[in-house]
PDB file of all heavy atoms in Angstrom:
ATOM      1  N   GLU A   1      -1.221 -19.202  17.220  1.00  0.00           N
ATOM      2  CA  GLU A   1      -0.096 -18.716  16.433  1.00  0.00           C
ATOM      3  C   GLU A   1      -0.504 -17.452  15.682  1.00  0.00           C
ATOM      4  O   GLU A   1      -1.642 -17.313  15.254  1.00  0.00           O
ATOM      5  CB  GLU A   1       0.344 -19.797  15.442  1.00  0.00           C
ATOM      6  CG  GLU A   1       1.610 -19.477  14.679  1.00  0.00           C
ATOM      7  CD  GLU A   1       2.049 -20.635  13.795  1.00  0.00           C
ATOM      8  OE1 GLU A   1       1.377 -21.690  13.823  1.00  0.00           O
ATOM      9  OE2 GLU A   1       3.046 -20.468  13.073  1.00  0.00           O
ATOM     10  N   PHE A   2       0.448 -16.524  15.561  1.00  0.00           N
ATOM     11  CA  PHE A   2       0.231 -15.290  14.821  1.00  0.00           C
ATOM     12  C   PHE A   2       1.163 -15.247  13.621  1.00  0.00           C
ATOM     13  O   PHE A   2       2.228 -15.862  13.628  1.00  0.00           O
ATOM     14  CB  PHE A   2       0.473 -14.070  15.714  1.00  0.00           C
ATOM     15  CG  PHE A   2      -0.439 -13.992  16.902  1.00  0.00           C
ATOM     16  CD1 PHE A   2      -0.111 -14.616  18.094  1.00  0.00           C
ATOM     17  CD2 PHE A   2      -1.633 -13.296  16.834  1.00  0.00           C
ATOM     18  CE1 PHE A   2      -0.942 -14.550  19.189  1.00  0.00           C
ATOM     19  CE2 PHE A   2      -2.476 -13.214  17.926  1.00  0.00           C
ATOM     20  CZ  PHE A   2      -2.133 -13.858  19.102  1.00  0.00           C
ATOM     21  N   GLY A   3       0.767 -14.492  12.592  1.00  0.00           N
ATOM     22  CA  GLY A   3       1.604 -14.383  11.404  1.00  0.00           C
ATOM     23  C   GLY A   3       1.261 -13.186  10.559  1.00  0.00           C
ATOM     24  O   GLY A   3       0.320 -12.441  10.859  1.00  0.00           O
ATOM     25  N   CYS A   4       2.032 -12.961   9.498  1.00  0.00           N
ATOM     26  CA  CYS A   4       1.872 -11.852   8.558  1.00  0.00           C
ATOM     27  C   CYS A   4       2.184 -10.513   9.242  1.00  0.00           C
ATOM     28  O   CYS A   4       1.287  -9.767   9.634  1.00  0.00           O
ATOM     29  CB  CYS A   4       0.476 -11.832   7.943  1.00  0.00           C
ATOM     30  SG  CYS A   4       0.095 -13.324   6.987  1.00  0.00           S
ATOM     31  N   TYR A   5       3.474 -10.223   9.369  1.00  0.00           N
ATOM     32  CA  TYR A   5       3.929  -9.022  10.075  1.00  0.00           C
ATOM     33  C   TYR A   5       4.328  -7.895   9.130  1.00  0.00           C
ATOM     34  O   TYR A   5       4.793  -6.852   9.594  1.00  0.00           O
ATOM     35  CB  TYR A   5       5.119  -9.385  10.965  1.00  0.00           C
ATOM     36  CG  TYR A   5       4.764 -10.362  12.050  1.00  0.00           C
ATOM     37  CD1 TYR A   5       4.943 -11.727  11.868  1.00  0.00           C
ATOM     38  CD2 TYR A   5       4.222  -9.935  13.256  1.00  0.00           C
ATOM     39  CE1 TYR A   5       4.606 -12.636  12.858  1.00  0.00           C
ATOM     40  CE2 TYR A   5       3.877 -10.826  14.253  1.00  0.00           C
ATOM     41  CZ  TYR A   5       4.076 -12.184  14.047  1.00  0.00           C
ATOM     42  OH  TYR A   5       3.731 -13.084  15.030  1.00  0.00           O
ATOM     43  N   ARG A   6       4.181  -8.071   7.847  1.00  0.00           N
ATOM     44  CA  ARG A   6       4.548  -7.011   6.915  1.00  0.00           C
ATOM     45  C   ARG A   6       3.548  -5.860   6.999  1.00  0.00           C
ATOM     46  O   ARG A   6       2.387  -6.065   7.359  1.00  0.00           O
ATOM     47  CB  ARG A   6       4.612  -7.559   5.488  1.00  0.00           C
ATOM     48  CG  ARG A   6       5.568  -8.729   5.349  1.00  0.00           C
ATOM     49  CD  ARG A   6       5.602  -9.285   3.939  1.00  0.00           C
ATOM     50  NE  ARG A   6       6.170 -10.635   3.930  1.00  0.00           N
ATOM     51  CZ  ARG A   6       6.376 -11.359   2.841  1.00  0.00           C
ATOM     52  NH1 ARG A   6       6.075 -10.855   1.647  1.00  0.00           N
ATOM     53  NH2 ARG A   6       6.889 -12.577   2.930  1.00  0.00           N
ATOM     54  N   PRO A   7       3.963  -4.640   6.683  1.00  0.00           N
ATOM     55  CA  PRO A   7       3.057  -3.485   6.785  1.00  0.00           C
ATOM     56  C   PRO A   7       1.860  -3.615   5.858  1.00  0.00           C
ATOM     57  O   PRO A   7       1.843  -4.417   4.925  1.00  0.00           O
ATOM     58  CB  PRO A   7       3.954  -2.299   6.386  1.00  0.00           C
ATOM     59  CG  PRO A   7       5.343  -2.776   6.564  1.00  0.00           C
ATOM     60  CD  PRO A   7       5.325  -4.241   6.295  1.00  0.00           C
ATOM     61  N   ALA A   8       0.872  -2.780   6.098  1.00  0.00           N
ATOM     62  CA  ALA A   8      -0.365  -2.797   5.311  1.00  0.00           C
ATOM     63  C   ALA A   8      -0.161  -2.013   4.021  1.00  0.00           C
ATOM     64  O   ALA A   8      -0.627  -0.880   3.872  1.00  0.00           O
ATOM     65  CB  ALA A   8      -1.512  -2.218   6.129  1.00  0.00           C
ATOM     66  N   VAL A   9       0.551  -2.624   3.090  1.00  0.00           N
ATOM     67  CA  VAL A   9       0.756  -2.037   1.761  1.00  0.00           C
ATOM     68  C   VAL A   9      -0.061  -2.839   0.749  1.00  0.00           C
ATOM     69  O   VAL A   9      -0.439  -3.974   1.004  1.00  0.00           O
ATOM     70  CB  VAL A   9       2.250  -2.030   1.390  1.00  0.00           C
ATOM     71  CG1 VAL A   9       3.014  -1.089   2.309  1.00  0.00           C
ATOM     72  CG2 VAL A   9       2.841  -3.431   1.473  1.00  0.00           C
ATOM     73  N   ARG A  10      -0.300  -2.257  -0.405  1.00  0.00           N
ATOM     74  CA  ARG A  10      -1.202  -2.879  -1.372  1.00  0.00           C
ATOM     75  C   ARG A  10      -0.493  -3.648  -2.482  1.00  0.00           C
ATOM     76  O   ARG A  10      -1.060  -4.576  -3.041  1.00  0.00           O
ATOM     77  CB  ARG A  10      -2.105  -1.817  -2.004  1.00  0.00           C
ATOM     78  CG  ARG A  10      -3.020  -1.119  -1.009  1.00  0.00           C
ATOM     79  CD  ARG A  10      -3.962  -0.171  -1.730  1.00  0.00           C
ATOM     80  NE  ARG A  10      -4.756   0.620  -0.808  1.00  0.00           N
ATOM     81  CZ  ARG A  10      -5.903   0.218  -0.255  1.00  0.00           C
ATOM     82  NH1 ARG A  10      -6.371  -0.974  -0.553  1.00  0.00           N
ATOM     83  NH2 ARG A  10      -6.566   1.005   0.570  1.00  0.00           N
ATOM     84  N   SER A  11       0.719  -3.285  -2.830  1.00  0.00           N
ATOM     85  CA  SER A  11       1.371  -3.876  -3.990  1.00  0.00           C
ATOM     86  C   SER A  11       2.250  -5.055  -3.594  1.00  0.00           C
ATOM     87  O   SER A  11       2.821  -5.099  -2.489  1.00  0.00           O
ATOM     88  CB  SER A  11       2.227  -2.829  -4.714  1.00  0.00           C
ATOM     89  OG  SER A  11       3.365  -2.488  -3.943  1.00  0.00           O
ATOM     90  N   ALA A  12       2.354  -6.011  -4.510  1.00  0.00           N
ATOM     91  CA  ALA A  12       3.225  -7.163  -4.273  1.00  0.00           C
ATOM     92  C   ALA A  12       4.679  -6.738  -4.162  1.00  0.00           C
ATOM     93  O   ALA A  12       5.456  -7.341  -3.406  1.00  0.00           O
ATOM     94  CB  ALA A  12       3.039  -8.176  -5.405  1.00  0.00           C
ATOM     95  N   ARG A  13       5.056  -5.698  -4.893  1.00  0.00           N
ATOM     96  CA  ARG A  13       6.436  -5.225  -4.858  1.00  0.00           C
ATOM     97  C   ARG A  13       6.833  -4.772  -3.456  1.00  0.00           C
ATOM     98  O   ARG A  13       7.892  -5.139  -2.939  1.00  0.00           O
ATOM     99  CB  ARG A  13       6.610  -4.079  -5.855  1.00  0.00           C
ATOM    100  CG  ARG A  13       8.001  -3.452  -5.861  1.00  0.00           C
ATOM    101  CD  ARG A  13       8.041  -2.271  -6.811  1.00  0.00           C
ATOM    102  NE  ARG A  13       9.328  -1.607  -6.767  1.00  0.00           N
ATOM    103  CZ  ARG A  13       9.608  -0.478  -7.413  1.00  0.00           C
ATOM    104  NH1 ARG A  13       8.668   0.096  -8.173  1.00  0.00           N
ATOM    105  NH2 ARG A  13      10.811   0.079  -7.324  1.00  0.00           N
ATOM    106  N   TRP A  14       5.975  -3.978  -2.823  1.00  0.00           N
ATOM    107  CA  TRP A  14       6.298  -3.493  -1.491  1.00  0.00           C
ATOM    108  C   TRP A  14       6.166  -4.599  -0.443  1.00  0.00           C
ATOM    109  O   TRP A  14       6.923  -4.622   0.545  1.00  0.00           O
ATOM    110  CB  TRP A  14       5.415  -2.306  -1.143  1.00  0.00           C
ATOM    111  CG  TRP A  14       5.908  -1.044  -1.763  1.00  0.00           C
ATOM    112  CD1 TRP A  14       5.404  -0.409  -2.860  1.00  0.00           C
ATOM    113  CD2 TRP A  14       7.027  -0.269  -1.327  1.00  0.00           C
ATOM    114  NE1 TRP A  14       6.136   0.711  -3.151  1.00  0.00           N
ATOM    115  CE2 TRP A  14       7.145   0.826  -2.222  1.00  0.00           C
ATOM    116  CE3 TRP A  14       7.930  -0.390  -0.282  1.00  0.00           C
ATOM    117  CZ2 TRP A  14       8.132   1.800  -2.097  1.00  0.00           C
ATOM    118  CZ3 TRP A  14       8.924   0.580  -0.149  1.00  0.00           C
ATOM    119  CH2 TRP A  14       9.024   1.647  -1.048  1.00  0.00           C
ATOM    120  N   LEU A  15       5.252  -5.491  -0.627  1.00  0.00           N
ATOM    121  CA  LEU A  15       5.163  -6.630   0.290  1.00  0.00           C
ATOM    122  C   LEU A  15       6.443  -7.453   0.249  1.00  0.00           C
ATOM    123  O   LEU A  15       6.944  -7.904   1.294  1.00  0.00           O
ATOM    124  CB  LEU A  15       3.960  -7.504  -0.071  1.00  0.00           C
ATOM    125  CG  LEU A  15       2.585  -7.000   0.373  1.00  0.00           C
ATOM    126  CD1 LEU A  15       1.486  -7.840  -0.258  1.00  0.00           C
ATOM    127  CD2 LEU A  15       2.462  -7.035   1.901  1.00  0.00           C
ATOM    128  N   ASP A  16       6.999  -7.653  -0.934  1.00  0.00           N
ATOM    129  CA  ASP A  16       8.252  -8.400  -1.057  1.00  0.00           C
ATOM    130  C   ASP A  16       9.410  -7.654  -0.395  1.00  0.00           C
ATOM    131  O   ASP A  16      10.302  -8.272   0.185  1.00  0.00           O
ATOM    132  CB  ASP A  16       8.571  -8.658  -2.532  1.00  0.00           C
ATOM    133  CG  ASP A  16       7.596  -9.635  -3.180  1.00  0.00           C
ATOM    134  OD1 ASP A  16       6.933 -10.375  -2.432  1.00  0.00           O
ATOM    135  OD2 ASP A  16       7.492  -9.638  -4.420  1.00  0.00           O
ATOM    136  N   ARG A  17       9.408  -6.336  -0.486  1.00  0.00           N
ATOM    137  CA  ARG A  17      10.483  -5.555   0.126  1.00  0.00           C
ATOM    138  C   ARG A  17      10.492  -5.694   1.653  1.00  0.00           C
ATOM    139  O   ARG A  17      11.552  -5.587   2.276  1.00  0.00           O
ATOM    140  CB  ARG A  17      10.351  -4.078  -0.250  1.00  0.00           C
ATOM    141  CG  ARG A  17      10.767  -3.762  -1.675  1.00  0.00           C
ATOM    142  CD  ARG A  17      10.859  -2.260  -1.881  1.00  0.00           C
ATOM    143  NE  ARG A  17      11.365  -1.934  -3.215  1.00  0.00           N
ATOM    144  CZ  ARG A  17      11.672  -0.695  -3.613  1.00  0.00           C
ATOM    145  NH1 ARG A  17      11.509   0.319  -2.769  1.00  0.00           N
ATOM    146  NH2 ARG A  17      12.125  -0.491  -4.823  1.00  0.00           N
ATOM    147  N   PHE A  18       9.318  -5.897   2.215  1.00  0.00           N
ATOM    148  CA  PHE A  18       9.226  -6.009   3.674  1.00  0.00           C
ATOM    149  C   PHE A  18       9.158  -7.461   4.140  1.00  0.00           C
ATOM    150  O   PHE A  18       8.732  -7.738   5.268  1.00  0.00           O
ATOM    151  CB  PHE A  18       7.994  -5.254   4.183  1.00  0.00           C
ATOM    152  CG  PHE A  18       8.131  -3.764   4.145  1.00  0.00           C
ATOM    153  CD1 PHE A  18       7.474  -3.020   3.179  1.00  0.00           C
ATOM    154  CD2 PHE A  18       8.925  -3.111   5.074  1.00  0.00           C
ATOM    155  CE1 PHE A  18       7.592  -1.640   3.136  1.00  0.00           C
ATOM    156  CE2 PHE A  18       9.047  -1.725   5.052  1.00  0.00           C
ATOM    157  CZ  PHE A  18       8.390  -0.983   4.073  1.00  0.00           C
ATOM    158  N   ALA A  19       9.598  -8.388   3.308  1.00  0.00           N
ATOM    159  CA  ALA A  19       9.535  -9.810   3.680  1.00  0.00           C
ATOM    160  C   ALA A  19      10.345 -10.106   4.930  1.00  0.00           C
ATOM    161  O   ALA A  19      10.003 -11.017   5.703  1.00  0.00           O
ATOM    162  CB  ALA A  19      10.021 -10.672   2.512  1.00  0.00           C
ATOM    163  N   TRP A  20      11.406  -9.350   5.176  1.00  0.00           N
ATOM    164  CA  TRP A  20      12.259  -9.577   6.343  1.00  0.00           C
ATOM    165  C   TRP A  20      11.504  -9.361   7.661  1.00  0.00           C
ATOM    166  O   TRP A  20      11.906  -9.876   8.709  1.00  0.00           O
ATOM    167  CB  TRP A  20      13.466  -8.642   6.299  1.00  0.00           C
ATOM    168  CG  TRP A  20      13.105  -7.190   6.226  1.00  0.00           C
ATOM    169  CD1 TRP A  20      12.875  -6.449   5.101  1.00  0.00           C
ATOM    170  CD2 TRP A  20      12.907  -6.294   7.341  1.00  0.00           C
ATOM    171  NE1 TRP A  20      12.545  -5.145   5.426  1.00  0.00           N
ATOM    172  CE2 TRP A  20      12.559  -5.028   6.792  1.00  0.00           C
ATOM    173  CE3 TRP A  20      12.981  -6.439   8.717  1.00  0.00           C
ATOM    174  CZ2 TRP A  20      12.305  -3.919   7.600  1.00  0.00           C
ATOM    175  CZ3 TRP A  20      12.724  -5.334   9.524  1.00  0.00           C
ATOM    176  CH2 TRP A  20      12.389  -4.087   8.965  1.00  0.00           C
ATOM    177  N   MET A  21      10.390  -8.624   7.619  1.00  0.00           N
ATOM    178  CA  MET A  21       9.659  -8.324   8.849  1.00  0.00           C
ATOM    179  C   MET A  21       8.925  -9.536   9.406  1.00  0.00           C
ATOM    180  O   MET A  21       8.571  -9.555  10.587  1.00  0.00           O
ATOM    181  CB  MET A  21       8.668  -7.181   8.606  1.00  0.00           C
ATOM    182  CG  MET A  21       9.326  -5.839   8.387  1.00  0.00           C
ATOM    183  SD  MET A  21       8.138  -4.471   8.293  1.00  0.00           S
ATOM    184  CE  MET A  21       7.469  -4.478   9.970  1.00  0.00           C
ATOM    185  N   ASP A  22       8.690 -10.571   8.601  1.00  0.00           N
ATOM    186  CA  ASP A  22       8.016 -11.764   9.111  1.00  0.00           C
ATOM    187  C   ASP A  22       8.860 -12.444  10.185  1.00  0.00           C
ATOM    188  O   ASP A  22       8.340 -12.837  11.244  1.00  0.00           O
ATOM    189  CB  ASP A  22       7.728 -12.737   7.963  1.00  0.00           C
ATOM    190  CG  ASP A  22       6.529 -12.314   7.140  1.00  0.00           C
ATOM    191  OD1 ASP A  22       5.624 -11.670   7.693  1.00  0.00           O
ATOM    192  OD2 ASP A  22       6.504 -12.620   5.929  1.00  0.00           O
ATOM    193  N   ALA A  23      10.145 -12.604   9.935  1.00  0.00           N
ATOM    194  CA  ALA A  23      11.015 -13.243  10.919  1.00  0.00           C
ATOM    195  C   ALA A  23      11.231 -12.343  12.125  1.00  0.00           C
ATOM    196  O   ALA A  23      11.215 -12.810  13.273  1.00  0.00           O
ATOM    197  CB  ALA A  23      12.353 -13.597  10.267  1.00  0.00           C
ATOM    198  N   VAL A  24      11.410 -11.044  11.893  1.00  0.00           N
ATOM    199  CA  VAL A  24      11.630 -10.112  13.008  1.00  0.00           C
ATOM    200  C   VAL A  24      10.376  -9.984  13.861  1.00  0.00           C
ATOM    201  O   VAL A  24      10.435  -9.995  15.097  1.00  0.00           O
ATOM    202  CB  VAL A  24      12.071  -8.744  12.467  1.00  0.00           C
ATOM    203  CG1 VAL A  24      12.183  -7.729  13.611  1.00  0.00           C
ATOM    204  CG2 VAL A  24      13.407  -8.853  11.747  1.00  0.00           C
ATOM    205  N   GLY A  25       9.221  -9.860  13.217  1.00  0.00           N
ATOM    206  CA  GLY A  25       7.980  -9.705  13.961  1.00  0.00           C
ATOM    207  C   GLY A  25       7.647 -10.911  14.814  1.00  0.00           C
ATOM    208  O   GLY A  25       7.143 -10.769  15.939  1.00  0.00           O
ATOM    209  N   ALA A  26       7.919 -12.110  14.313  1.00  0.00           N
ATOM    210  CA  ALA A  26       7.643 -13.323  15.079  1.00  0.00           C
ATOM    211  C   ALA A  26       8.451 -13.366  16.367  1.00  0.00           C
ATOM    212  O   ALA A  26       8.023 -13.974  17.358  1.00  0.00           O
ATOM    213  CB  ALA A  26       7.935 -14.548  14.226  1.00  0.00           C
ATOM    214  N   ARG A  27       9.617 -12.712  16.382  1.00  0.00           N
ATOM    215  CA  ARG A  27      10.457 -12.692  17.581  1.00  0.00           C
ATOM    216  C   ARG A  27      10.194 -11.466  18.451  1.00  0.00           C
ATOM    217  O   ARG A  27      10.145 -11.567  19.675  1.00  0.00           O
ATOM    218  CB  ARG A  27      11.941 -12.721  17.196  1.00  0.00           C
ATOM    219  CG  ARG A  27      12.395 -13.974  16.494  1.00  0.00           C
ATOM    220  CD  ARG A  27      13.916 -14.045  16.454  1.00  0.00           C
ATOM    221  NE  ARG A  27      14.485 -12.846  15.842  1.00  0.00           N
ATOM    222  CZ  ARG A  27      14.769 -12.721  14.546  1.00  0.00           C
ATOM    223  NH1 ARG A  27      14.516 -13.732  13.722  1.00  0.00           N
ATOM    224  NH2 ARG A  27      15.288 -11.600  14.072  1.00  0.00           N
ATOM    225  N   ALA A  28      10.037 -10.305  17.817  1.00  0.00           N
ATOM    226  CA  ALA A  28       9.991  -9.050  18.557  1.00  0.00           C
ATOM    227  C   ALA A  28       8.588  -8.652  19.018  1.00  0.00           C
ATOM    228  O   ALA A  28       8.420  -8.121  20.114  1.00  0.00           O
ATOM    229  CB  ALA A  28      10.598  -7.934  17.706  1.00  0.00           C
ATOM    230  N   TRP A  29       7.571  -8.838  18.173  1.00  0.00           N
ATOM    231  CA  TRP A  29       6.201  -8.466  18.548  1.00  0.00           C
ATOM    232  C   TRP A  29       5.232  -9.549  18.069  1.00  0.00           C
ATOM    233  O   TRP A  29       4.392  -9.337  17.202  1.00  0.00           O
ATOM    234  CB  TRP A  29       5.839  -7.087  17.995  1.00  0.00           C
ATOM    235  CG  TRP A  29       6.038  -6.891  16.523  1.00  0.00           C
ATOM    236  CD1 TRP A  29       5.148  -7.149  15.530  1.00  0.00           C
ATOM    237  CD2 TRP A  29       7.197  -6.384  15.855  1.00  0.00           C
ATOM    238  NE1 TRP A  29       5.667  -6.850  14.295  1.00  0.00           N
ATOM    239  CE2 TRP A  29       6.928  -6.368  14.468  1.00  0.00           C
ATOM    240  CE3 TRP A  29       8.454  -5.946  16.297  1.00  0.00           C
ATOM    241  CZ2 TRP A  29       7.858  -5.931  13.534  1.00  0.00           C
ATOM    242  CZ3 TRP A  29       9.376  -5.512  15.356  1.00  0.00           C
ATOM    243  CH2 TRP A  29       9.075  -5.504  14.001  1.00  0.00           C
ATOM    244  N   PRO A  30       5.314 -10.749  18.634  1.00  0.00           N
ATOM    245  CA  PRO A  30       4.575 -11.906  18.095  1.00  0.00           C
ATOM    246  C   PRO A  30       3.066 -11.753  18.076  1.00  0.00           C
ATOM    247  O   PRO A  30       2.404 -12.305  17.189  1.00  0.00           O
ATOM    248  CB  PRO A  30       5.015 -13.059  19.002  1.00  0.00           C
ATOM    249  CG  PRO A  30       5.495 -12.415  20.252  1.00  0.00           C
ATOM    250  CD  PRO A  30       6.090 -11.108  19.837  1.00  0.00           C
ATOM    251  N   ILE A  31       2.473 -11.045  19.026  1.00  0.00           N
ATOM    252  CA  ILE A  31       1.008 -10.996  19.086  1.00  0.00           C
ATOM    253  C   ILE A  31       0.415  -9.936  18.165  1.00  0.00           C
ATOM    254  O   ILE A  31      -0.801  -9.753  18.148  1.00  0.00           O
ATOM    255  CB  ILE A  31       0.513 -10.760  20.530  1.00  0.00           C
ATOM    256  CG1 ILE A  31       0.939  -9.381  21.018  1.00  0.00           C
ATOM    257  CG2 ILE A  31       1.000 -11.858  21.455  1.00  0.00           C
ATOM    258  CD1 ILE A  31       0.309  -9.011  22.350  1.00  0.00           C
ATOM    259  N   PHE A  32       1.254  -9.229  17.402  1.00  0.00           N
ATOM    260  CA  PHE A  32       0.753  -8.155  16.542  1.00  0.00           C
ATOM    261  C   PHE A  32       0.735  -8.546  15.064  1.00  0.00           C
ATOM    262  O   PHE A  32       0.742  -7.676  14.197  1.00  0.00           O
ATOM    263  CB  PHE A  32       1.594  -6.887  16.745  1.00  0.00           C
ATOM    264  CG  PHE A  32       1.512  -6.341  18.138  1.00  0.00           C
ATOM    265  CD1 PHE A  32       2.652  -6.223  18.919  1.00  0.00           C
ATOM    266  CD2 PHE A  32       0.295  -5.970  18.679  1.00  0.00           C
ATOM    267  CE1 PHE A  32       2.583  -5.734  20.207  1.00  0.00           C
ATOM    268  CE2 PHE A  32       0.219  -5.477  19.969  1.00  0.00           C
ATOM    269  CZ  PHE A  32       1.360  -5.358  20.743  1.00  0.00           C
ATOM    270  N   GLY A  33       0.722  -9.832  14.779  1.00  0.00           N
ATOM    271  CA  GLY A  33       0.576 -10.270  13.392  1.00  0.00           C
ATOM    272  C   GLY A  33      -0.797  -9.936  12.851  1.00  0.00           C
ATOM    273  O   GLY A  33      -1.764  -9.756  13.607  1.00  0.00           O
ATOM    274  N   ALA A  34      -0.912  -9.861  11.522  1.00  0.00           N
ATOM    275  CA  ALA A  34      -2.187  -9.485  10.907  1.00  0.00           C
ATOM    276  C   ALA A  34      -3.259 -10.551  11.091  1.00  0.00           C
ATOM    277  O   ALA A  34      -4.446 -10.259  11.004  1.00  0.00           O
ATOM    278  CB  ALA A  34      -1.978  -9.210   9.421  1.00  0.00           C
ATOM    279  N   ALA A  35      -2.854 -11.790  11.340  1.00  0.00           N
ATOM    280  CA  ALA A  35      -3.817 -12.883  11.476  1.00  0.00           C
ATOM    281  C   ALA A  35      -3.405 -13.802  12.613  1.00  0.00           C
ATOM    282  O   ALA A  35      -2.237 -13.823  13.025  1.00  0.00           O
ATOM    283  CB  ALA A  35      -3.919 -13.677  10.170  1.00  0.00           C
ATOM    284  N   TYR A  36      -4.376 -14.557  13.121  1.00  0.00           N
ATOM    285  CA  TYR A  36      -4.081 -15.571  14.140  1.00  0.00           C
ATOM    286  C   TYR A  36      -4.637 -16.907  13.689  1.00  0.00           C
ATOM    287  O   TYR A  36      -5.528 -17.002  12.834  1.00  0.00           O
ATOM    288  CB  TYR A  36      -4.635 -15.184  15.512  1.00  0.00           C
ATOM    289  CG  TYR A  36      -6.127 -14.978  15.573  1.00  0.00           C
ATOM    290  CD1 TYR A  36      -7.015 -16.050  15.660  1.00  0.00           C
ATOM    291  CD2 TYR A  36      -6.665 -13.694  15.565  1.00  0.00           C
ATOM    292  CE1 TYR A  36      -8.372 -15.864  15.724  1.00  0.00           C
ATOM    293  CE2 TYR A  36      -8.032 -13.481  15.623  1.00  0.00           C
ATOM    294  CZ  TYR A  36      -8.881 -14.563  15.706  1.00  0.00           C
ATOM    295  OH  TYR A  36     -10.239 -14.375  15.765  1.00  0.00           O
ATOM    296  N   PHE A  37      -4.104 -17.957  14.295  1.00  0.00           N
ATOM    297  CA  PHE A  37      -4.460 -19.316  13.915  1.00  0.00           C
ATOM    298  C   PHE A  37      -4.586 -20.132  15.204  1.00  0.00           C
ATOM    299  O   PHE A  37      -3.637 -20.238  15.977  1.00  0.00           O
ATOM    300  CB  PHE A  37      -3.362 -19.904  13.017  1.00  0.00           C
ATOM    301  CG  PHE A  37      -3.685 -21.249  12.424  1.00  0.00           C
ATOM    302  CD1 PHE A  37      -4.446 -21.354  11.273  1.00  0.00           C
ATOM    303  CD2 PHE A  37      -3.211 -22.413  13.021  1.00  0.00           C
ATOM    304  CE1 PHE A  37      -4.735 -22.590  10.720  1.00  0.00           C
ATOM    305  CE2 PHE A  37      -3.495 -23.648  12.478  1.00  0.00           C
ATOM    306  CZ  PHE A  37      -4.256 -23.736  11.320  1.00  0.00           C
ATOM    307  N   VAL A  38      -5.777 -20.690  15.441  1.00  0.00           N
ATOM    308  CA  VAL A  38      -6.087 -21.382  16.692  1.00  0.00           C
ATOM    309  C   VAL A  38      -6.440 -22.838  16.414  1.00  0.00           C
ATOM    310  O   VAL A  38      -7.228 -23.127  15.507  1.00  0.00           O
ATOM    311  CB  VAL A  38      -7.257 -20.694  17.429  1.00  0.00           C
ATOM    312  CG1 VAL A  38      -7.621 -21.464  18.696  1.00  0.00           C
ATOM    313  CG2 VAL A  38      -6.908 -19.255  17.763  1.00  0.00           C
ATOM    314  N   VAL A  39      -5.868 -23.735  17.197  1.00  0.00           N
ATOM    315  CA  VAL A  39      -6.235 -25.151  17.163  1.00  0.00           C
ATOM    316  C   VAL A  39      -6.775 -25.513  18.547  1.00  0.00           C
ATOM    317  O   VAL A  39      -6.095 -25.301  19.559  1.00  0.00           O
ATOM    318  CB  VAL A  39      -5.030 -26.053  16.821  1.00  0.00           C
ATOM    319  CG1 VAL A  39      -5.446 -27.518  16.826  1.00  0.00           C
ATOM    320  CG2 VAL A  39      -4.449 -25.668  15.459  1.00  0.00           C
ATOM    321  N   ALA A  40      -8.009 -26.020  18.595  1.00  0.00           N
ATOM    322  CA  ALA A  40      -8.650 -26.369  19.867  1.00  0.00           C
ATOM    323  C   ALA A  40      -9.242 -27.773  19.775  1.00  0.00           C
ATOM    324  O   ALA A  40      -9.552 -28.271  18.690  1.00  0.00           O
ATOM    325  CB  ALA A  40      -9.741 -25.360  20.218  1.00  0.00           C
TER     326      ALA A  40
END
């Protein structure tokens, strides 16, 4: 699983502004999340 699709900004304010990108990124570009999570 991949997650965290918001841009690489530093402030909490700008991260909150781009919160909508988490849902869009999971559908449109799923493998480009900032982190991955593996269960084996």
